[in-house]
Amino acid sequence: VQLQASGGGLALPGGPLRLSCAASGINFRLNTMSWYRQAPGNERELVATITSNRDTKYADSVKGRFTISRDNIKRTLYLQMNSLKPGDTAAYYCQTIFRERAYWGRGTLVTVSS
């Protein structure tokens, strides 16, 4: 199982950024996929989850600003982040559970700063 996250970078407060996560080694369309983030000195936290039925859940801190989505043909997970805040600065990780084991992509760093 491989998860390859990309799309991080520097964003202005109030601006947008879109993260992508390409998956291989799993039957992507059947897997629940999630985004987590970890800011320096903080624990890793769940940002958003999307099920195989495209049901979604969000952390309260990102509701109304972030949108998680998936493209089962491209086997890719997305996180559209709008109205970014400095507090969104973190390394973002995609994650899935396959055969009772959690798999993590390498983090992509998002920095929100003017």
N, C-alpha and C. Protein backbone atom coordinates (compact mmCIF):
# COMPACT_ATOMS: atom_id res chain seq x y z
N VAL A 1 0.86 -1.19 0.00
CA VAL A 1 0.00 0.00 0.00
C VAL A 1 0.89 1.23 0.00
N GLN A 2 0.62 2.13 -0.93
CA GLN A 2 1.36 3.39 -0.97
C GLN A 2 0.39 4.55 -1.08
N LEU A 3 0.65 5.56 -0.28
CA LEU A 3 -0.13 6.80 -0.32
C LEU A 3 0.84 7.94 -0.54
N GLN A 4 0.64 8.69 -1.60
CA GLN A 4 1.56 9.77 -1.96
C GLN A 4 0.82 11.10 -1.93
N ALA A 5 1.10 11.88 -0.89
CA ALA A 5 0.43 13.18 -0.75
C ALA A 5 1.25 14.27 -1.43
N SER A 6 0.54 15.25 -1.95
CA SER A 6 1.20 16.38 -2.60
C SER A 6 0.30 17.60 -2.52
N GLY A 7 0.86 18.75 -2.90
CA GLY A 7 0.06 19.97 -2.97
C GLY A 7 0.29 20.96 -1.86
N GLY A 8 1.10 20.61 -0.89
CA GLY A 8 1.38 21.54 0.19
C GLY A 8 2.23 22.70 -0.30
N GLY A 9 2.35 23.70 0.55
CA GLY A 9 3.15 24.86 0.21
C GLY A 9 2.78 26.04 1.08
N LEU A 10 3.17 27.22 0.61
CA LEU A 10 2.88 28.45 1.34
C LEU A 10 1.60 29.08 0.81
N ALA A 11 0.70 29.42 1.72
CA ALA A 11 -0.56 30.06 1.35
C ALA A 11 -0.78 31.30 2.20
N LEU A 12 -1.45 32.27 1.63
CA LEU A 12 -1.79 33.48 2.38
C LEU A 12 -3.01 33.24 3.25
N PRO A 13 -3.10 33.89 4.39
CA PRO A 13 -4.34 33.80 5.18
C PRO A 13 -5.54 34.19 4.34
N GLY A 14 -6.58 33.38 4.43
CA GLY A 14 -7.77 33.61 3.62
C GLY A 14 -7.72 32.96 2.26
N GLY A 15 -6.58 32.43 1.89
CA GLY A 15 -6.40 31.84 0.57
C GLY A 15 -6.74 30.37 0.53
N PRO A 16 -6.68 29.80 -0.68
CA PRO A 16 -6.98 28.38 -0.88
C PRO A 16 -5.71 27.56 -1.14
N LEU A 17 -5.89 26.27 -0.97
CA LEU A 17 -4.84 25.31 -1.32
C LEU A 17 -5.54 23.97 -1.47
N ARG A 18 -5.08 23.16 -2.40
CA ARG A 18 -5.67 21.83 -2.58
C ARG A 18 -4.61 20.77 -2.44
N LEU A 19 -4.87 19.80 -1.60
CA LEU A 19 -3.98 18.68 -1.41
C LEU A 19 -4.52 17.48 -2.18
N SER A 20 -3.59 16.65 -2.64
CA SER A 20 -3.95 15.41 -3.32
C SER A 20 -3.22 14.25 -2.66
N CYS A 21 -3.80 13.07 -2.77
CA CYS A 21 -3.17 11.86 -2.25
C CYS A 21 -3.46 10.73 -3.22
N ALA A 22 -2.44 10.27 -3.92
CA ALA A 22 -2.57 9.16 -4.86
C ALA A 22 -2.35 7.85 -4.12
N ALA A 23 -3.26 6.91 -4.33
CA ALA A 23 -3.20 5.64 -3.61
C ALA A 23 -2.95 4.48 -4.57
N SER A 24 -2.21 3.50 -4.08
CA SER A 24 -1.99 2.27 -4.83
C SER A 24 -1.91 1.12 -3.85
N GLY A 25 -2.16 -0.08 -4.36
CA GLY A 25 -2.05 -1.26 -3.51
C GLY A 25 -3.31 -1.60 -2.75
N ILE A 26 -4.37 -0.82 -2.94
CA ILE A 26 -5.65 -1.09 -2.30
C ILE A 26 -6.76 -0.97 -3.34
N ASN A 27 -7.91 -1.55 -3.02
CA ASN A 27 -9.10 -1.33 -3.85
C ASN A 27 -9.69 0.00 -3.41
N PHE A 28 -9.16 1.05 -4.01
CA PHE A 28 -9.38 2.41 -3.50
C PHE A 28 -10.85 2.72 -3.28
N ARG A 29 -11.70 2.32 -4.21
CA ARG A 29 -13.11 2.73 -4.14
C ARG A 29 -13.81 2.14 -2.91
N LEU A 30 -13.24 1.10 -2.33
CA LEU A 30 -13.88 0.45 -1.18
C LEU A 30 -13.37 0.99 0.16
N ASN A 31 -12.32 1.78 0.12
CA ASN A 31 -11.67 2.21 1.37
C ASN A 31 -12.14 3.57 1.87
N THR A 32 -12.36 3.65 3.16
CA THR A 32 -12.51 4.94 3.81
C THR A 32 -11.15 5.61 3.83
N MET A 33 -11.13 6.88 3.47
CA MET A 33 -9.89 7.64 3.39
C MET A 33 -9.99 8.86 4.30
N SER A 34 -8.86 9.23 4.86
CA SER A 34 -8.85 10.36 5.81
C SER A 34 -7.64 11.25 5.60
N TRP A 35 -7.81 12.49 6.02
CA TRP A 35 -6.70 13.44 6.14
C TRP A 35 -6.49 13.74 7.62
N TYR A 36 -5.25 13.72 8.04
CA TYR A 36 -4.83 14.13 9.36
C TYR A 36 -3.83 15.27 9.21
N ARG A 37 -3.60 15.96 10.31
CA ARG A 37 -2.55 16.98 10.31
C ARG A 37 -1.87 17.01 11.66
N GLN A 38 -0.63 17.49 11.62
CA GLN A 38 0.14 17.60 12.86
C GLN A 38 0.96 18.88 12.81
N ALA A 39 0.66 19.78 13.73
CA ALA A 39 1.41 21.01 13.85
C ALA A 39 2.58 20.79 14.82
N PRO A 40 3.64 21.56 14.68
CA PRO A 40 4.80 21.39 15.59
C PRO A 40 4.38 21.46 17.05
N GLY A 41 4.79 20.47 17.81
CA GLY A 41 4.49 20.44 19.24
C GLY A 41 3.11 19.92 19.58
N ASN A 42 2.32 19.60 18.54
CA ASN A 42 0.96 19.11 18.77
C ASN A 42 0.84 17.65 18.38
N GLU A 43 -0.23 17.02 18.87
CA GLU A 43 -0.51 15.66 18.46
C GLU A 43 -1.17 15.68 17.07
N ARG A 44 -1.05 14.55 16.39
CA ARG A 44 -1.71 14.42 15.09
C ARG A 44 -3.22 14.40 15.31
N GLU A 45 -3.95 15.13 14.49
CA GLU A 45 -5.41 15.21 14.64
C GLU A 45 -6.11 14.90 13.33
N LEU A 46 -7.29 14.33 13.45
CA LEU A 46 -8.10 14.00 12.29
C LEU A 46 -8.73 15.28 11.74
N VAL A 47 -8.58 15.48 10.45
CA VAL A 47 -9.13 16.66 9.79
C VAL A 47 -10.45 16.33 9.09
N ALA A 48 -10.44 15.27 8.29
CA ALA A 48 -11.63 14.92 7.52
C ALA A 48 -11.55 13.46 7.08
N THR A 49 -12.74 12.88 6.90
CA THR A 49 -12.86 11.49 6.47
C THR A 49 -13.93 11.38 5.41
N ILE A 50 -13.70 10.50 4.44
CA ILE A 50 -14.71 10.21 3.43
C ILE A 50 -14.81 8.70 3.28
N THR A 51 -16.04 8.19 3.31
CA THR A 51 -16.23 6.75 3.19
C THR A 51 -16.36 6.34 1.72
N SER A 52 -16.50 5.04 1.50
CA SER A 52 -16.69 4.54 0.14
C SER A 52 -18.01 5.04 -0.44
N ASN A 53 -18.97 5.35 0.42
CA ASN A 53 -20.25 5.92 -0.03
C ASN A 53 -20.22 7.43 -0.14
N ARG A 54 -19.03 7.99 0.08
CA ARG A 54 -18.82 9.44 -0.01
C ARG A 54 -19.48 10.21 1.14
N ASP A 55 -19.79 9.52 2.24
CA ASP A 55 -20.18 10.22 3.46
C ASP A 55 -18.94 10.90 4.03
N THR A 56 -19.10 12.10 4.53
CA THR A 56 -17.95 12.86 5.01
C THR A 56 -18.14 13.32 6.45
N LYS A 57 -17.01 13.48 7.12
CA LYS A 57 -16.99 14.05 8.46
C LYS A 57 -15.80 14.99 8.55
N TYR A 58 -15.96 16.05 9.35
CA TYR A 58 -14.92 17.06 9.48
C TYR A 58 -14.67 17.41 10.94
N ALA A 59 -13.45 17.79 11.22
CA ALA A 59 -13.16 18.38 12.52
C ALA A 59 -13.88 19.72 12.61
N ASP A 60 -14.33 20.07 13.81
CA ASP A 60 -15.07 21.32 13.97
C ASP A 60 -14.25 22.51 13.49
N SER A 61 -12.95 22.43 13.65
CA SER A 61 -12.08 23.57 13.31
C SER A 61 -12.02 23.85 11.81
N VAL A 62 -12.42 22.88 10.98
CA VAL A 62 -12.32 23.09 9.52
C VAL A 62 -13.68 23.06 8.82
N LYS A 63 -14.75 22.78 9.55
CA LYS A 63 -16.08 22.71 8.94
C LYS A 63 -16.41 24.02 8.24
N GLY A 64 -16.94 23.87 7.03
CA GLY A 64 -17.31 25.05 6.27
C GLY A 64 -16.16 25.67 5.49
N ARG A 65 -14.93 25.21 5.75
CA ARG A 65 -13.76 25.75 5.04
C ARG A 65 -13.06 24.69 4.20
N PHE A 66 -13.04 23.46 4.67
CA PHE A 66 -12.36 22.38 3.97
C PHE A 66 -13.38 21.43 3.37
N THR A 67 -13.03 20.84 2.23
CA THR A 67 -13.87 19.84 1.59
C THR A 67 -13.01 18.64 1.19
N ILE A 68 -13.40 17.47 1.66
CA ILE A 68 -12.72 16.24 1.28
C ILE A 68 -13.50 15.60 0.14
N SER A 69 -12.78 15.06 -0.83
CA SER A 69 -13.43 14.40 -1.96
C SER A 69 -12.52 13.30 -2.49
N ARG A 70 -13.08 12.49 -3.38
CA ARG A 70 -12.31 11.38 -3.93
C ARG A 70 -12.66 11.18 -5.38
N ASP A 71 -11.69 10.72 -6.14
CA ASP A 71 -11.88 10.33 -7.53
C ASP A 71 -11.47 8.86 -7.62
N ASN A 72 -12.46 7.98 -7.66
CA ASN A 72 -12.17 6.54 -7.63
C ASN A 72 -11.50 6.06 -8.91
N ILE A 73 -11.74 6.75 -10.01
CA ILE A 73 -11.09 6.36 -11.26
C ILE A 73 -9.61 6.69 -11.21
N LYS A 74 -9.29 7.86 -10.70
CA LYS A 74 -7.89 8.27 -10.57
C LYS A 74 -7.25 7.73 -9.29
N ARG A 75 -8.04 7.09 -8.44
CA ARG A 75 -7.53 6.55 -7.18
C ARG A 75 -6.84 7.65 -6.37
N THR A 76 -7.50 8.78 -6.30
CA THR A 76 -6.91 9.94 -5.66
C THR A 76 -7.89 10.58 -4.67
N LEU A 77 -7.35 10.95 -3.54
CA LEU A 77 -8.07 11.65 -2.49
C LEU A 77 -7.67 13.12 -2.53
N TYR A 78 -8.63 14.01 -2.24
CA TYR A 78 -8.35 15.45 -2.27
C TYR A 78 -8.79 16.11 -0.97
N LEU A 79 -8.16 17.23 -0.69
CA LEU A 79 -8.62 18.10 0.40
C LEU A 79 -8.54 19.53 -0.12
N GLN A 80 -9.70 20.10 -0.40
CA GLN A 80 -9.76 21.50 -0.80
C GLN A 80 -9.85 22.34 0.45
N MET A 81 -8.88 23.22 0.64
CA MET A 81 -8.82 24.05 1.83
C MET A 81 -9.03 25.50 1.42
N ASN A 82 -10.05 26.11 1.94
CA ASN A 82 -10.35 27.52 1.67
C ASN A 82 -10.31 28.32 2.97
N SER A 83 -10.26 29.61 2.82
CA SER A 83 -10.24 30.51 3.99
C SER A 83 -9.20 30.06 5.01
N LEU A 84 -8.02 29.80 4.52
CA LEU A 84 -6.98 29.27 5.39
C LEU A 84 -6.59 30.26 6.48
N LYS A 85 -6.23 29.69 7.62
CA LYS A 85 -5.82 30.47 8.78
C LYS A 85 -4.40 30.06 9.19
N PRO A 86 -3.68 30.93 9.86
CA PRO A 86 -2.34 30.53 10.33
C PRO A 86 -2.39 29.26 11.18
N GLY A 87 -3.48 29.06 11.88
CA GLY A 87 -3.63 27.85 12.71
C GLY A 87 -3.76 26.57 11.91
N ASP A 88 -3.94 26.68 10.59
CA ASP A 88 -3.98 25.50 9.74
C ASP A 88 -2.57 25.03 9.35
N THR A 89 -1.57 25.78 9.72
CA THR A 89 -0.20 25.40 9.42
C THR A 89 0.14 24.07 10.10
N ALA A 90 0.54 23.10 9.27
CA ALA A 90 0.82 21.76 9.78
C ALA A 90 1.32 20.89 8.64
N ALA A 91 1.83 19.73 9.01
CA ALA A 91 2.06 18.69 8.02
C ALA A 91 0.77 17.90 7.88
N TYR A 92 0.34 17.69 6.65
CA TYR A 92 -0.92 16.99 6.38
C TYR A 92 -0.62 15.60 5.83
N TYR A 93 -1.33 14.62 6.36
CA TYR A 93 -1.12 13.22 6.01
C TYR A 93 -2.42 12.59 5.54
N CYS A 94 -2.35 11.80 4.47
CA CYS A 94 -3.50 10.97 4.11
C CYS A 94 -3.33 9.60 4.76
N GLN A 95 -4.46 8.98 5.02
CA GLN A 95 -4.44 7.73 5.78
C GLN A 95 -5.58 6.84 5.37
N THR A 96 -5.34 5.53 5.41
CA THR A 96 -6.40 4.57 5.22
C THR A 96 -6.11 3.33 6.06
N ILE A 97 -7.13 2.54 6.28
CA ILE A 97 -6.96 1.29 7.00
C ILE A 97 -7.25 0.16 6.03
N PHE A 98 -6.32 -0.75 5.93
CA PHE A 98 -6.45 -1.88 5.01
C PHE A 98 -6.03 -3.13 5.75
N ARG A 99 -6.92 -4.10 5.77
CA ARG A 99 -6.67 -5.37 6.48
C ARG A 99 -6.23 -5.08 7.91
N GLU A 100 -6.98 -4.19 8.57
CA GLU A 100 -6.83 -3.88 10.00
C GLU A 100 -5.52 -3.19 10.32
N ARG A 101 -4.87 -2.65 9.32
CA ARG A 101 -3.63 -1.93 9.56
C ARG A 101 -3.75 -0.53 8.96
N ALA A 102 -3.27 0.46 9.70
CA ALA A 102 -3.30 1.83 9.22
C ALA A 102 -2.08 2.12 8.35
N TYR A 103 -2.34 2.76 7.22
CA TYR A 103 -1.27 3.19 6.31
C TYR A 103 -1.30 4.70 6.19
N TRP A 104 -0.11 5.28 6.19
CA TRP A 104 0.04 6.73 6.16
C TRP A 104 0.89 7.13 4.97
N GLY A 105 0.50 8.22 4.34
CA GLY A 105 1.36 8.81 3.33
C GLY A 105 2.40 9.69 4.00
N ARG A 106 3.42 10.03 3.25
CA ARG A 106 4.39 10.99 3.75
C ARG A 106 3.72 12.35 3.82
N GLY A 107 3.94 13.08 4.86
CA GLY A 107 3.26 14.35 5.05
C GLY A 107 3.62 15.38 4.00
N THR A 108 2.67 16.27 3.73
CA THR A 108 2.93 17.42 2.88
C THR A 108 2.69 18.66 3.73
N LEU A 109 3.66 19.56 3.72
CA LEU A 109 3.65 20.69 4.65
C LEU A 109 2.84 21.86 4.09
N VAL A 110 1.93 22.34 4.91
CA VAL A 110 1.13 23.52 4.58
C VAL A 110 1.51 24.63 5.56
N THR A 111 1.91 25.75 5.03
CA THR A 111 2.26 26.91 5.84
C THR A 111 1.36 28.08 5.44
N VAL A 112 0.63 28.61 6.40
CA VAL A 112 -0.26 29.74 6.14
C VAL A 112 0.33 30.97 6.83
N SER A 113 0.78 31.88 6.02
CA SER A 113 1.46 33.05 6.56
C SER A 113 1.44 34.19 5.56
N SER A 114 1.41 35.40 6.06
CA SER A 114 1.50 36.57 5.19
C SER A 114 2.95 37.05 5.09
